[in-house]
Amino acid sequence: MSIKSREEWLNRVLHKHVSKLLQQKAGVALPVDVKVSVGFPGGGSARNRIGECWPRERSSIAVNEIFINPSIVNTSVMIEVLVHEAIHAADNCASGHKGFFRKTALAVGLEGKMKSTVAGVELLQWIKDVVAKMPAMDYGHLDLSGRKKQTTRMLKITCVDCGCVMRTTQKWLVQAGMPTCGCGGEFVTDGEGGGE
């Protein structure tokens, strides 16, 4: 069985193995049309968010779309994240990390905080068995370690009389002008951007 991409590998794991896990351990049916892609989740930091499931109404083809972060190196971790996101897909993201999600996650062997679950001992063994059944996969990953963080675009302004410090954007300085301090003093820009 030849698999040519991470997406193909993950979709096969989802529909051949994870769907059975949900059914057997929690009595939950996974929709057959859920799709998995490797890419950065839509919200939050690319470094911190490792998976995400989008509800059907957000997809132009009306399917749940799961994204697995391309910086994940370990296939076992990919499957762990996939199990978490598949539970979201099973109820079309309706329960967040409570109710249905929590009950199902615990039933299949996920543990810890529900927003950032980890596989328990039994689920880890199940994942190991799945990896052994699947063709070896090493389709690369992205290394985010050298990526520069974007600095803030806020400008520091300081009152010349009392020293009060505020931050604003260039847009508001252009549109509304320099604000006046509560003490009645005048603000001046320090000409710097970024945090202190």
N, C-alpha and C. Protein backbone atom coordinates (compact mmCIF):
# COMPACT_ATOMS: atom_id res chain seq x y z
N MET A 1 0.86 -1.17 0.00
CA MET A 1 0.00 0.00 0.00
C MET A 1 0.90 1.23 0.00
N SER A 2 0.89 1.96 -1.09
CA SER A 2 1.74 3.13 -1.26
C SER A 2 0.99 4.39 -0.85
N ILE A 3 1.60 5.15 0.04
CA ILE A 3 1.03 6.41 0.49
C ILE A 3 2.03 7.50 0.17
N LYS A 4 1.57 8.54 -0.51
CA LYS A 4 2.48 9.54 -1.03
C LYS A 4 2.56 10.84 -0.25
N SER A 5 1.67 11.05 0.74
CA SER A 5 1.70 12.32 1.46
C SER A 5 1.26 12.14 2.91
N ARG A 6 1.60 13.13 3.72
CA ARG A 6 1.16 13.12 5.12
C ARG A 6 -0.36 13.12 5.20
N GLU A 7 -1.00 13.90 4.31
CA GLU A 7 -2.46 13.99 4.32
C GLU A 7 -3.11 12.64 4.04
N GLU A 8 -2.58 11.93 3.04
CA GLU A 8 -3.12 10.62 2.70
C GLU A 8 -2.94 9.66 3.88
N TRP A 9 -1.78 9.70 4.51
CA TRP A 9 -1.48 8.85 5.66
C TRP A 9 -2.44 9.16 6.81
N LEU A 10 -2.61 10.43 7.13
CA LEU A 10 -3.49 10.84 8.24
C LEU A 10 -4.95 10.52 7.95
N ASN A 11 -5.40 10.73 6.72
CA ASN A 11 -6.78 10.40 6.37
C ASN A 11 -7.03 8.90 6.49
N ARG A 12 -6.04 8.10 6.11
CA ARG A 12 -6.18 6.65 6.24
C ARG A 12 -6.25 6.25 7.71
N VAL A 13 -5.38 6.84 8.54
CA VAL A 13 -5.42 6.56 9.99
C VAL A 13 -6.77 6.97 10.57
N LEU A 14 -7.26 8.13 10.18
CA LEU A 14 -8.53 8.63 10.71
C LEU A 14 -9.68 7.68 10.37
N HIS A 15 -9.82 7.35 9.11
CA HIS A 15 -11.00 6.59 8.68
C HIS A 15 -10.88 5.08 8.90
N LYS A 16 -9.66 4.58 8.97
CA LYS A 16 -9.49 3.14 9.17
C LYS A 16 -9.35 2.77 10.65
N HIS A 17 -8.73 3.64 11.44
CA HIS A 17 -8.41 3.30 12.82
C HIS A 17 -9.12 4.17 13.86
N VAL A 18 -9.01 5.49 13.73
CA VAL A 18 -9.60 6.38 14.74
C VAL A 18 -11.12 6.24 14.77
N SER A 19 -11.74 6.10 13.61
CA SER A 19 -13.20 5.94 13.58
C SER A 19 -13.63 4.69 14.35
N LYS A 20 -12.86 3.60 14.23
CA LYS A 20 -13.16 2.36 14.98
C LYS A 20 -12.96 2.57 16.47
N LEU A 21 -11.91 3.29 16.85
CA LEU A 21 -11.64 3.57 18.25
C LEU A 21 -12.82 4.32 18.89
N LEU A 22 -13.30 5.36 18.20
CA LEU A 22 -14.42 6.14 18.72
C LEU A 22 -15.67 5.27 18.86
N GLN A 23 -15.91 4.42 17.88
CA GLN A 23 -17.09 3.56 17.90
C GLN A 23 -17.00 2.52 19.02
N GLN A 24 -15.86 1.85 19.10
CA GLN A 24 -15.70 0.77 20.08
C GLN A 24 -15.61 1.26 21.51
N LYS A 25 -14.88 2.32 21.77
CA LYS A 25 -14.65 2.78 23.14
C LYS A 25 -15.73 3.74 23.65
N ALA A 26 -16.36 4.50 22.72
CA ALA A 26 -17.31 5.53 23.18
C ALA A 26 -18.68 5.43 22.53
N GLY A 27 -18.85 4.50 21.56
CA GLY A 27 -20.13 4.41 20.86
C GLY A 27 -20.43 5.63 20.02
N VAL A 28 -19.36 6.29 19.53
CA VAL A 28 -19.50 7.53 18.77
C VAL A 28 -19.15 7.27 17.31
N ALA A 29 -20.03 7.73 16.42
CA ALA A 29 -19.79 7.57 14.98
C ALA A 29 -19.10 8.81 14.42
N LEU A 30 -18.02 8.60 13.70
CA LEU A 30 -17.32 9.68 13.03
C LEU A 30 -17.90 9.84 11.63
N PRO A 31 -18.27 11.06 11.22
CA PRO A 31 -18.76 11.24 9.85
C PRO A 31 -17.73 10.74 8.83
N VAL A 32 -18.20 10.11 7.78
CA VAL A 32 -17.30 9.50 6.80
C VAL A 32 -16.61 10.51 5.90
N ASP A 33 -17.08 11.75 5.90
CA ASP A 33 -16.52 12.74 4.98
C ASP A 33 -15.55 13.72 5.64
N VAL A 34 -15.13 13.47 6.88
CA VAL A 34 -14.17 14.35 7.54
C VAL A 34 -12.86 14.33 6.76
N LYS A 35 -12.23 15.49 6.60
CA LYS A 35 -10.98 15.59 5.85
C LYS A 35 -9.87 16.08 6.77
N VAL A 36 -8.66 15.54 6.58
CA VAL A 36 -7.49 15.95 7.35
C VAL A 36 -6.48 16.57 6.41
N SER A 37 -5.93 17.72 6.82
CA SER A 37 -4.86 18.38 6.07
C SER A 37 -3.73 18.71 7.03
N VAL A 38 -2.55 18.87 6.48
CA VAL A 38 -1.42 19.33 7.28
C VAL A 38 -1.25 20.80 6.94
N GLY A 39 -1.36 21.62 7.96
CA GLY A 39 -1.24 23.06 7.78
C GLY A 39 -1.43 23.75 9.11
N PHE A 40 -1.13 25.05 9.13
CA PHE A 40 -1.25 25.78 10.37
C PHE A 40 -2.70 26.01 10.73
N PRO A 41 -3.06 25.72 11.98
CA PRO A 41 -4.42 26.00 12.43
C PRO A 41 -4.74 27.49 12.26
N GLY A 42 -6.02 27.79 12.14
CA GLY A 42 -6.47 29.14 11.81
C GLY A 42 -6.36 30.17 12.89
N GLY A 43 -6.32 29.78 14.15
CA GLY A 43 -6.26 30.77 15.22
C GLY A 43 -5.10 30.49 16.13
N GLY A 44 -4.66 31.51 16.84
CA GLY A 44 -3.61 31.32 17.82
C GLY A 44 -2.23 31.21 17.20
N SER A 45 -1.28 30.88 18.01
CA SER A 45 0.11 30.81 17.58
C SER A 45 0.42 29.50 16.87
N ALA A 46 1.16 29.59 15.79
CA ALA A 46 1.58 28.39 15.05
C ALA A 46 2.47 27.51 15.92
N ARG A 47 3.15 28.10 16.87
CA ARG A 47 4.03 27.33 17.74
C ARG A 47 3.24 26.54 18.79
N ASN A 48 2.10 27.08 19.22
CA ASN A 48 1.36 26.49 20.32
C ASN A 48 0.18 25.63 19.90
N ARG A 49 -0.46 25.96 18.82
CA ARG A 49 -1.65 25.22 18.40
C ARG A 49 -1.24 24.10 17.46
N ILE A 50 -1.46 22.86 17.89
CA ILE A 50 -0.96 21.75 17.09
C ILE A 50 -2.04 21.04 16.30
N GLY A 51 -3.30 21.38 16.55
CA GLY A 51 -4.39 20.78 15.80
C GLY A 51 -5.63 21.63 15.91
N GLU A 52 -6.53 21.46 14.96
CA GLU A 52 -7.77 22.23 14.97
C GLU A 52 -8.79 21.55 14.08
N CYS A 53 -10.05 21.60 14.50
CA CYS A 53 -11.15 21.07 13.69
C CYS A 53 -12.12 22.20 13.42
N TRP A 54 -12.53 22.32 12.18
CA TRP A 54 -13.47 23.37 11.79
C TRP A 54 -14.85 22.75 11.54
N PRO A 55 -15.92 23.43 11.95
CA PRO A 55 -17.27 22.90 11.75
C PRO A 55 -17.68 22.92 10.28
N ARG A 56 -18.64 22.09 9.96
CA ARG A 56 -19.11 21.93 8.58
C ARG A 56 -19.56 23.24 7.93
N GLU A 57 -20.22 24.09 8.71
CA GLU A 57 -20.76 25.32 8.12
C GLU A 57 -19.66 26.29 7.69
N ARG A 58 -18.42 26.07 8.10
CA ARG A 58 -17.32 26.94 7.68
C ARG A 58 -16.64 26.43 6.41
N SER A 59 -16.99 25.23 5.98
CA SER A 59 -16.37 24.62 4.80
C SER A 59 -17.26 24.80 3.57
N SER A 60 -16.67 25.18 2.46
CA SER A 60 -17.45 25.37 1.23
C SER A 60 -18.03 24.05 0.71
N ILE A 61 -17.46 22.91 1.16
CA ILE A 61 -18.01 21.62 0.74
C ILE A 61 -18.74 20.92 1.90
N ALA A 62 -19.01 21.68 2.95
CA ALA A 62 -19.82 21.22 4.10
C ALA A 62 -19.30 19.94 4.74
N VAL A 63 -17.98 19.92 5.01
CA VAL A 63 -17.38 18.80 5.75
C VAL A 63 -16.58 19.37 6.92
N ASN A 64 -16.35 18.53 7.93
CA ASN A 64 -15.44 18.94 8.99
C ASN A 64 -14.02 18.87 8.44
N GLU A 65 -13.24 19.90 8.70
CA GLU A 65 -11.87 19.95 8.22
C GLU A 65 -10.94 20.01 9.42
N ILE A 66 -10.04 19.03 9.50
CA ILE A 66 -9.07 18.95 10.59
C ILE A 66 -7.71 19.36 10.04
N PHE A 67 -7.00 20.19 10.82
CA PHE A 67 -5.64 20.60 10.46
C PHE A 67 -4.67 20.12 11.53
N ILE A 68 -3.59 19.52 11.08
CA ILE A 68 -2.52 19.06 11.96
C ILE A 68 -1.29 19.92 11.65
N ASN A 69 -0.70 20.51 12.68
CA ASN A 69 0.42 21.42 12.52
C ASN A 69 1.61 20.71 11.85
N PRO A 70 2.20 21.32 10.80
CA PRO A 70 3.31 20.68 10.08
C PRO A 70 4.62 20.66 10.85
N SER A 71 4.66 21.24 12.05
CA SER A 71 5.89 21.20 12.83
C SER A 71 5.99 19.92 13.68
N ILE A 72 4.91 19.13 13.73
CA ILE A 72 4.95 17.88 14.51
C ILE A 72 5.84 16.86 13.79
N VAL A 73 6.81 16.33 14.51
CA VAL A 73 7.77 15.39 13.94
C VAL A 73 7.32 13.94 14.13
N ASN A 74 6.81 13.62 15.29
CA ASN A 74 6.51 12.26 15.70
C ASN A 74 5.14 11.80 15.21
N THR A 75 5.09 10.67 14.51
CA THR A 75 3.82 10.17 13.99
C THR A 75 2.85 9.80 15.11
N SER A 76 3.35 9.35 16.25
CA SER A 76 2.48 9.02 17.38
C SER A 76 1.78 10.27 17.90
N VAL A 77 2.51 11.38 17.96
CA VAL A 77 1.91 12.64 18.40
C VAL A 77 0.85 13.10 17.39
N MET A 78 1.14 12.91 16.09
CA MET A 78 0.14 13.27 15.06
C MET A 78 -1.16 12.52 15.30
N ILE A 79 -1.07 11.23 15.61
CA ILE A 79 -2.28 10.42 15.83
C ILE A 79 -2.97 10.86 17.12
N GLU A 80 -2.22 11.18 18.14
CA GLU A 80 -2.78 11.67 19.40
C GLU A 80 -3.60 12.94 19.15
N VAL A 81 -3.04 13.86 18.38
CA VAL A 81 -3.75 15.09 18.03
C VAL A 81 -4.97 14.76 17.16
N LEU A 82 -4.81 13.83 16.25
CA LEU A 82 -5.90 13.44 15.36
C LEU A 82 -7.08 12.87 16.14
N VAL A 83 -6.81 12.08 17.16
CA VAL A 83 -7.90 11.53 17.99
C VAL A 83 -8.66 12.67 18.66
N HIS A 84 -7.94 13.63 19.22
CA HIS A 84 -8.56 14.79 19.87
C HIS A 84 -9.47 15.54 18.88
N GLU A 85 -8.93 15.84 17.70
CA GLU A 85 -9.69 16.62 16.71
C GLU A 85 -10.85 15.81 16.13
N ALA A 86 -10.70 14.49 16.03
CA ALA A 86 -11.80 13.65 15.52
C ALA A 86 -13.00 13.71 16.44
N ILE A 87 -12.76 13.85 17.75
CA ILE A 87 -13.88 13.96 18.69
C ILE A 87 -14.64 15.26 18.42
N HIS A 88 -13.92 16.33 18.13
CA HIS A 88 -14.59 17.59 17.76
C HIS A 88 -15.44 17.38 16.50
N ALA A 89 -14.88 16.67 15.52
CA ALA A 89 -15.61 16.44 14.26
C ALA A 89 -16.87 15.62 14.50
N ALA A 90 -16.82 14.70 15.45
CA ALA A 90 -17.96 13.81 15.71
C ALA A 90 -19.20 14.57 16.16
N ASP A 91 -19.02 15.72 16.81
CA ASP A 91 -20.21 16.52 17.19
C ASP A 91 -20.20 17.90 16.51
N ASN A 92 -19.47 17.98 15.40
CA ASN A 92 -19.40 19.21 14.61
C ASN A 92 -18.96 20.40 15.46
N CYS A 93 -18.04 20.15 16.38
CA CYS A 93 -17.44 21.19 17.23
C CYS A 93 -18.44 21.86 18.17
N ALA A 94 -19.57 21.22 18.43
CA ALA A 94 -20.65 21.84 19.21
C ALA A 94 -20.36 21.94 20.70
N SER A 95 -19.61 21.01 21.26
CA SER A 95 -19.44 20.99 22.72
C SER A 95 -18.16 21.63 23.22
N GLY A 96 -17.35 22.17 22.32
CA GLY A 96 -16.08 22.72 22.77
C GLY A 96 -15.26 21.62 23.42
N HIS A 97 -14.81 21.86 24.64
CA HIS A 97 -14.05 20.85 25.38
C HIS A 97 -14.82 20.35 26.60
N LYS A 98 -16.13 20.50 26.57
CA LYS A 98 -16.97 20.08 27.69
C LYS A 98 -17.95 19.00 27.22
N GLY A 99 -18.81 18.56 28.11
CA GLY A 99 -19.90 17.65 27.78
C GLY A 99 -19.50 16.48 26.93
N PHE A 100 -20.05 16.43 25.71
CA PHE A 100 -19.79 15.34 24.77
C PHE A 100 -18.30 15.13 24.56
N PHE A 101 -17.56 16.23 24.36
CA PHE A 101 -16.13 16.10 24.10
C PHE A 101 -15.44 15.42 25.27
N ARG A 102 -15.66 15.93 26.46
CA ARG A 102 -15.00 15.40 27.66
C ARG A 102 -15.32 13.92 27.87
N LYS A 103 -16.60 13.58 27.76
CA LYS A 103 -17.03 12.19 27.97
C LYS A 103 -16.36 11.26 26.96
N THR A 104 -16.33 11.67 25.70
CA THR A 104 -15.74 10.85 24.64
C THR A 104 -14.23 10.76 24.79
N ALA A 105 -13.59 11.88 25.09
CA ALA A 105 -12.13 11.91 25.26
C ALA A 105 -11.69 10.95 26.36
N LEU A 106 -12.38 10.99 27.49
CA LEU A 106 -12.02 10.10 28.59
C LEU A 106 -12.28 8.65 28.23
N ALA A 107 -13.36 8.40 27.49
CA ALA A 107 -13.70 7.02 27.10
C ALA A 107 -12.64 6.41 26.18
N VAL A 108 -12.04 7.22 25.30
CA VAL A 108 -11.05 6.67 24.37
C VAL A 108 -9.63 6.66 24.95
N GLY A 109 -9.44 7.30 26.10
CA GLY A 109 -8.14 7.24 26.75
C GLY A 109 -7.32 8.51 26.73
N LEU A 110 -7.95 9.65 26.40
CA LEU A 110 -7.26 10.93 26.50
C LEU A 110 -7.34 11.41 27.94
N GLU A 111 -6.30 12.09 28.39
CA GLU A 111 -6.22 12.54 29.77
C GLU A 111 -5.76 13.99 29.82
N GLY A 112 -5.77 14.55 31.05
CA GLY A 112 -5.26 15.90 31.27
C GLY A 112 -6.31 16.96 31.01
N LYS A 113 -5.85 18.21 30.86
CA LYS A 113 -6.75 19.31 30.56
C LYS A 113 -7.39 19.04 29.20
N MET A 114 -8.68 19.24 29.11
CA MET A 114 -9.38 18.89 27.88
C MET A 114 -8.97 19.75 26.68
N LYS A 115 -8.47 20.95 26.90
CA LYS A 115 -8.01 21.78 25.77
C LYS A 115 -6.68 21.30 25.21
N SER A 116 -5.94 20.57 26.02
CA SER A 116 -4.62 20.08 25.57
C SER A 116 -4.41 18.67 26.10
N THR A 117 -5.23 17.75 25.62
CA THR A 117 -5.20 16.37 26.10
C THR A 117 -3.92 15.65 25.72
N VAL A 118 -3.63 14.62 26.47
CA VAL A 118 -2.52 13.72 26.16
C VAL A 118 -3.06 12.29 26.22
N ALA A 119 -2.40 11.40 25.54
CA ALA A 119 -2.83 10.00 25.54
C ALA A 119 -2.41 9.32 26.84
N GLY A 120 -3.35 8.58 27.43
CA GLY A 120 -3.04 7.76 28.59
C GLY A 120 -2.31 6.50 28.15
N VAL A 121 -1.93 5.67 29.10
CA VAL A 121 -1.12 4.47 28.83
C VAL A 121 -1.79 3.55 27.80
N GLU A 122 -3.08 3.27 27.97
CA GLU A 122 -3.77 2.35 27.06
C GLU A 122 -3.87 2.94 25.66
N LEU A 123 -4.17 4.24 25.57
CA LEU A 123 -4.26 4.88 24.25
C LEU A 123 -2.88 4.94 23.59
N LEU A 124 -1.84 5.17 24.37
CA LEU A 124 -0.49 5.18 23.80
C LEU A 124 -0.14 3.83 23.17
N GLN A 125 -0.55 2.74 23.81
CA GLN A 125 -0.30 1.42 23.25
C GLN A 125 -1.10 1.23 21.97
N TRP A 126 -2.36 1.70 21.96
CA TRP A 126 -3.19 1.61 20.76
C TRP A 126 -2.54 2.39 19.62
N ILE A 127 -2.02 3.59 19.91
CA ILE A 127 -1.35 4.41 18.89
C ILE A 127 -0.12 3.68 18.36
N LYS A 128 0.65 3.08 19.26
CA LYS A 128 1.85 2.33 18.85
C LYS A 128 1.46 1.19 17.90
N ASP A 129 0.36 0.51 18.20
CA ASP A 129 -0.11 -0.58 17.34
C ASP A 129 -0.55 -0.06 15.97
N VAL A 130 -1.21 1.09 15.95
CA VAL A 130 -1.65 1.69 14.68
C VAL A 130 -0.44 2.06 13.83
N VAL A 131 0.56 2.70 14.44
CA VAL A 131 1.77 3.08 13.70
C VAL A 131 2.43 1.84 13.10
N ALA A 132 2.44 0.73 13.84
CA ALA A 132 3.04 -0.52 13.34
C ALA A 132 2.26 -1.09 12.15
N LYS A 133 0.96 -0.88 12.10
CA LYS A 133 0.12 -1.39 11.01
C LYS A 133 0.21 -0.53 9.75
N MET A 134 0.56 0.75 9.92
CA MET A 134 0.60 1.67 8.79
C MET A 134 1.97 1.64 8.13
N PRO A 135 2.04 2.01 6.84
CA PRO A 135 3.35 2.12 6.20
C PRO A 135 4.17 3.20 6.92
N ALA A 136 5.47 3.02 6.95
CA ALA A 136 6.34 4.02 7.58
C ALA A 136 6.10 5.38 6.92
N MET A 137 6.12 6.43 7.75
CA MET A 137 5.87 7.75 7.20
C MET A 137 6.94 8.71 7.69
N ASP A 138 7.66 9.31 6.77
CA ASP A 138 8.56 10.40 7.09
C ASP A 138 8.49 11.37 5.93
N TYR A 139 7.48 12.22 5.97
CA TYR A 139 7.28 13.18 4.89
C TYR A 139 7.77 14.56 5.28
N GLY A 140 8.62 14.61 6.30
CA GLY A 140 9.22 15.88 6.71
C GLY A 140 8.32 16.68 7.64
N HIS A 141 8.89 17.76 8.13
CA HIS A 141 8.17 18.67 9.02
C HIS A 141 8.80 20.05 8.89
N LEU A 142 8.14 21.05 9.45
CA LEU A 142 8.69 22.40 9.45
C LEU A 142 9.35 22.68 10.79
N ASP A 143 10.52 23.29 10.75
CA ASP A 143 11.24 23.68 11.95
C ASP A 143 10.95 25.15 12.21
N LEU A 144 10.22 25.43 13.30
CA LEU A 144 9.83 26.80 13.61
C LEU A 144 10.80 27.49 14.57
N SER A 145 11.87 26.81 14.96
CA SER A 145 12.75 27.34 16.00
C SER A 145 13.46 28.63 15.59
N GLY A 146 13.81 28.79 14.34
CA GLY A 146 14.53 29.99 13.91
C GLY A 146 13.63 31.11 13.40
N ARG A 147 12.33 30.89 13.47
CA ARG A 147 11.38 31.87 12.95
C ARG A 147 11.32 33.08 13.86
N LYS A 148 11.49 34.27 13.28
CA LYS A 148 11.44 35.49 14.07
C LYS A 148 10.01 35.80 14.49
N LYS A 149 9.87 36.21 15.74
CA LYS A 149 8.57 36.65 16.22
C LYS A 149 8.31 38.04 15.68
N GLN A 150 7.08 38.28 15.26
CA GLN A 150 6.72 39.61 14.78
C GLN A 150 6.64 40.55 15.98
N THR A 151 7.30 41.70 15.86
CA THR A 151 7.22 42.65 16.96
C THR A 151 5.94 43.46 16.84
N THR A 152 5.53 44.02 17.95
CA THR A 152 4.31 44.82 17.95
C THR A 152 4.52 46.10 17.14
N ARG A 153 3.48 46.62 16.62
CA ARG A 153 3.55 47.86 15.85
C ARG A 153 3.12 49.06 16.69
N MET A 154 3.04 48.84 17.99
CA MET A 154 2.63 49.91 18.88
C MET A 154 3.78 50.89 19.11
N LEU A 155 3.45 52.17 19.14
CA LEU A 155 4.43 53.20 19.41
C LEU A 155 4.28 53.66 20.85
N LYS A 156 5.40 53.88 21.51
CA LYS A 156 5.40 54.36 22.88
C LYS A 156 5.34 55.88 22.87
N ILE A 157 4.38 56.42 23.65
CA ILE A 157 4.30 57.88 23.81
C ILE A 157 4.38 58.20 25.30
N THR A 158 5.05 59.32 25.62
CA THR A 158 5.30 59.68 27.01
C THR A 158 4.89 61.12 27.26
N CYS A 159 4.23 61.36 28.38
CA CYS A 159 3.85 62.72 28.77
C CYS A 159 5.10 63.46 29.24
N VAL A 160 5.34 64.66 28.71
CA VAL A 160 6.53 65.43 29.07
C VAL A 160 6.43 65.99 30.49
N ASP A 161 5.19 66.11 31.04
CA ASP A 161 5.03 66.67 32.37
C ASP A 161 5.10 65.62 33.47
N CYS A 162 4.27 64.54 33.37
CA CYS A 162 4.19 63.57 34.47
C CYS A 162 4.88 62.25 34.17
N GLY A 163 5.29 62.02 32.93
CA GLY A 163 5.98 60.78 32.59
C GLY A 163 5.07 59.60 32.28
N CYS A 164 3.76 59.84 32.23
CA CYS A 164 2.81 58.77 31.90
C CYS A 164 3.17 58.16 30.55
N VAL A 165 3.16 56.83 30.49
CA VAL A 165 3.52 56.12 29.26
C VAL A 165 2.28 55.43 28.71
N MET A 166 2.05 55.58 27.42
CA MET A 166 0.96 54.90 26.72
C MET A 166 1.51 54.35 25.41
N ARG A 167 0.73 53.49 24.80
CA ARG A 167 1.10 52.96 23.48
C ARG A 167 -0.08 53.15 22.53
N THR A 168 0.23 53.44 21.30
CA THR A 168 -0.80 53.63 20.28
C THR A 168 -0.20 53.24 18.93
N THR A 169 -1.03 53.22 17.91
CA THR A 169 -0.52 52.90 16.58
C THR A 169 -0.30 54.17 15.77
N GLN A 170 0.53 54.08 14.77
CA GLN A 170 0.79 55.22 13.88
C GLN A 170 -0.50 55.68 13.22
N LYS A 171 -1.38 54.74 12.92
CA LYS A 171 -2.66 55.06 12.28
C LYS A 171 -3.43 56.10 13.09
N TRP A 172 -3.52 55.89 14.41
CA TRP A 172 -4.30 56.81 15.25
C TRP A 172 -3.59 58.14 15.44
N LEU A 173 -2.27 58.15 15.45
CA LEU A 173 -1.55 59.41 15.54
C LEU A 173 -1.79 60.25 14.29
N VAL A 174 -1.87 59.58 13.13
CA VAL A 174 -2.13 60.29 11.88
C VAL A 174 -3.58 60.76 11.81
N GLN A 175 -4.52 59.87 12.15
CA GLN A 175 -5.94 60.21 12.03
C GLN A 175 -6.44 61.17 13.10
N ALA A 176 -6.03 60.98 14.34
CA ALA A 176 -6.60 61.77 15.44
C ALA A 176 -5.60 62.75 16.05
N GLY A 177 -4.34 62.60 15.74
CA GLY A 177 -3.33 63.48 16.34
C GLY A 177 -2.87 62.95 17.68
N MET A 178 -1.87 63.60 18.22
CA MET A 178 -1.30 63.21 19.51
C MET A 178 -2.31 63.50 20.62
N PRO A 179 -2.60 62.52 21.48
CA PRO A 179 -3.56 62.76 22.57
C PRO A 179 -2.96 63.68 23.65
N THR A 180 -3.83 64.16 24.52
CA THR A 180 -3.41 64.96 25.66
C THR A 180 -3.48 64.08 26.90
N CYS A 181 -2.52 64.23 27.79
CA CYS A 181 -2.47 63.43 29.01
C CYS A 181 -3.56 63.88 29.98
N GLY A 182 -3.95 62.98 30.89
CA GLY A 182 -4.94 63.31 31.92
C GLY A 182 -4.48 64.44 32.83
N CYS A 183 -3.17 64.64 32.96
CA CYS A 183 -2.65 65.71 33.80
C CYS A 183 -2.65 67.05 33.07
N GLY A 184 -3.00 67.02 31.79
CA GLY A 184 -3.00 68.22 30.96
C GLY A 184 -1.72 68.40 30.17
N GLY A 185 -0.75 67.53 30.41
CA GLY A 185 0.52 67.61 29.71
C GLY A 185 0.44 67.09 28.28
N GLU A 186 1.51 67.30 27.58
CA GLU A 186 1.58 66.91 26.16
C GLU A 186 2.37 65.62 26.01
N PHE A 187 1.84 64.70 25.19
CA PHE A 187 2.57 63.47 24.88
C PHE A 187 3.54 63.72 23.74
N VAL A 188 4.66 63.00 23.81
CA VAL A 188 5.60 62.99 22.68
C VAL A 188 5.94 61.53 22.40
N THR A 189 6.23 61.24 21.14
CA THR A 189 6.57 59.86 20.79
C THR A 189 8.06 59.63 21.06
N ASP A 190 8.35 58.43 21.54
CA ASP A 190 9.74 58.07 21.79
C ASP A 190 10.39 57.54 20.52
N GLY A 191 9.56 57.35 19.48
CA GLY A 191 10.08 56.86 18.22
C GLY A 191 10.42 55.40 18.21
N GLU A 192 10.05 54.66 19.25
CA GLU A 192 10.37 53.23 19.28
C GLU A 192 9.12 52.40 19.09
N GLY A 193 9.30 51.21 18.58
CA GLY A 193 8.21 50.23 18.50
C GLY A 193 8.57 49.05 19.35
N GLY A 194 7.63 48.16 19.55
CA GLY A 194 7.90 46.95 20.31
C GLY A 194 7.70 47.13 21.79
N GLY A 195 7.81 46.04 22.50
CA GLY A 195 7.56 46.03 23.94
C GLY A 195 8.79 46.43 24.71
N GLU A 196 8.58 46.70 25.99
CA GLU A 196 9.69 47.08 26.85
C GLU A 196 10.40 45.86 27.37
